[in-house]
Amino acid sequence: MPYFASSRGPVTVKDSLLLDNDAAVGIARSLVTPRDVSVLGTRDDNRVVSEAMTLSVQSEISVASVGHRLIVKSHEMEMLRAQLVA
């Protein structure tokens, strides 16, 4: 399980990336890889955080979409299982 730290300590599932700047910055900094550092090295901190936040939101949307598809597939499997039993 990944560990993300903010200025207040570890980021938990109860933190909001959209409502808590400290949590967003902590996660954004943890998402940056060594290759990203060389690409982002010419940008100022605010721009880096802004771009990382955008990536974070895009990632969150992608994960939510995958989660939704898994829920739909799970319901489909339940329906098929019920048809087989009946």
Protein backbone atom coordinates (compact mmCIF):
# COMPACT_ATOMS: atom_id res chain seq x y z
CA MET A 1 0.00 0.00 0.00
CA PRO A 2 1.53 3.33 -0.98
CA TYR A 3 2.35 5.83 1.73
CA PHE A 4 1.80 9.53 1.13
CA ALA A 5 2.87 12.16 3.63
CA SER A 6 1.60 15.71 3.97
CA SER A 7 2.91 18.49 6.17
CA ARG A 8 0.49 17.25 8.88
CA GLY A 9 1.48 13.59 8.66
CA PRO A 10 0.26 10.63 6.61
CA VAL A 11 -2.54 11.13 4.11
CA THR A 12 -5.46 8.82 4.93
CA VAL A 13 -8.55 7.71 3.06
CA LYS A 14 -10.51 10.32 5.01
CA ASP A 15 -8.50 13.18 3.47
CA SER A 16 -9.84 14.98 0.40
CA LEU A 17 -7.54 15.91 -2.46
CA LEU A 18 -9.97 18.54 -3.64
CA LEU A 19 -10.59 20.15 -0.25
CA ASP A 20 -7.20 19.72 1.44
CA ASN A 21 -4.22 21.40 -0.22
CA ASP A 22 -1.74 19.74 2.16
CA ALA A 23 -2.99 16.28 1.21
CA ALA A 24 -2.96 17.15 -2.50
CA VAL A 25 0.60 18.50 -2.35
CA GLY A 26 1.78 15.47 -0.36
CA ILE A 27 0.37 13.06 -2.91
CA ALA A 28 1.51 15.15 -5.86
CA ARG A 29 5.08 15.18 -4.55
CA SER A 30 4.97 11.42 -4.04
CA LEU A 31 3.75 10.83 -7.60
CA VAL A 32 6.72 12.58 -9.19
CA THR A 33 9.32 10.10 -10.45
CA PRO A 34 13.03 10.83 -11.04
CA ARG A 35 12.34 11.21 -14.77
CA ASP A 36 9.56 13.67 -14.00
CA VAL A 37 12.00 15.72 -11.92
CA SER A 38 14.18 16.33 -14.97
CA VAL A 39 11.14 17.24 -17.07
CA LEU A 40 9.62 19.48 -14.40
CA GLY A 41 12.93 20.95 -13.23
CA THR A 42 12.46 24.15 -15.20
CA ARG A 43 9.04 24.90 -13.73
CA ASP A 44 8.31 26.76 -10.51
CA ASP A 45 6.81 24.97 -7.49
CA ASN A 46 3.29 26.32 -8.01
CA ARG A 47 3.18 25.14 -11.61
CA VAL A 48 4.58 21.71 -10.67
CA VAL A 49 1.98 21.30 -7.93
CA SER A 50 -0.77 22.48 -10.28
CA GLU A 51 0.25 20.02 -12.98
CA ALA A 52 0.63 17.20 -10.47
CA MET A 53 -2.80 18.03 -9.03
CA THR A 54 -4.26 17.82 -12.53
CA LEU A 55 -2.62 14.41 -12.97
CA SER A 56 -3.95 13.36 -9.58
CA VAL A 57 -7.51 14.36 -10.46
CA GLN A 58 -7.24 12.57 -13.82
CA SER A 59 -5.94 9.48 -12.04
CA GLU A 60 -8.75 9.63 -9.49
CA ILE A 61 -11.33 9.85 -12.28
CA SER A 62 -9.71 6.89 -14.04
CA VAL A 63 -9.72 4.79 -10.86
CA ALA A 64 -13.35 5.71 -10.19
CA SER A 65 -14.24 4.67 -13.74
CA VAL A 66 -12.52 1.31 -13.34
CA GLY A 67 -14.26 0.85 -9.98
CA HIS A 68 -17.62 1.58 -11.57
CA ARG A 69 -16.95 -0.95 -14.33
CA LEU A 70 -16.00 -3.57 -11.74
CA ILE A 71 -19.24 -2.95 -9.85
CA VAL A 72 -21.24 -3.32 -13.08
CA LYS A 73 -19.41 -6.57 -13.92
CA SER A 74 -20.02 -7.84 -10.40
CA HIS A 75 -23.76 -7.21 -10.76
CA GLU A 76 -23.74 -8.96 -14.15
CA MET A 77 -22.02 -11.97 -12.58
CA GLU A 78 -24.60 -12.06 -9.77
CA MET A 79 -27.42 -12.02 -12.32
CA LEU A 80 -25.81 -14.83 -14.34
CA ARG A 81 -25.23 -16.86 -11.19
CA ALA A 82 -28.89 -16.39 -10.19
CA GLN A 83 -30.01 -17.54 -13.66
CA LEU A 84 -27.84 -20.66 -13.41
CA VAL A 85 -29.25 -21.55 -10.00
CA ALA A 86 -32.88 -20.99 -11.09
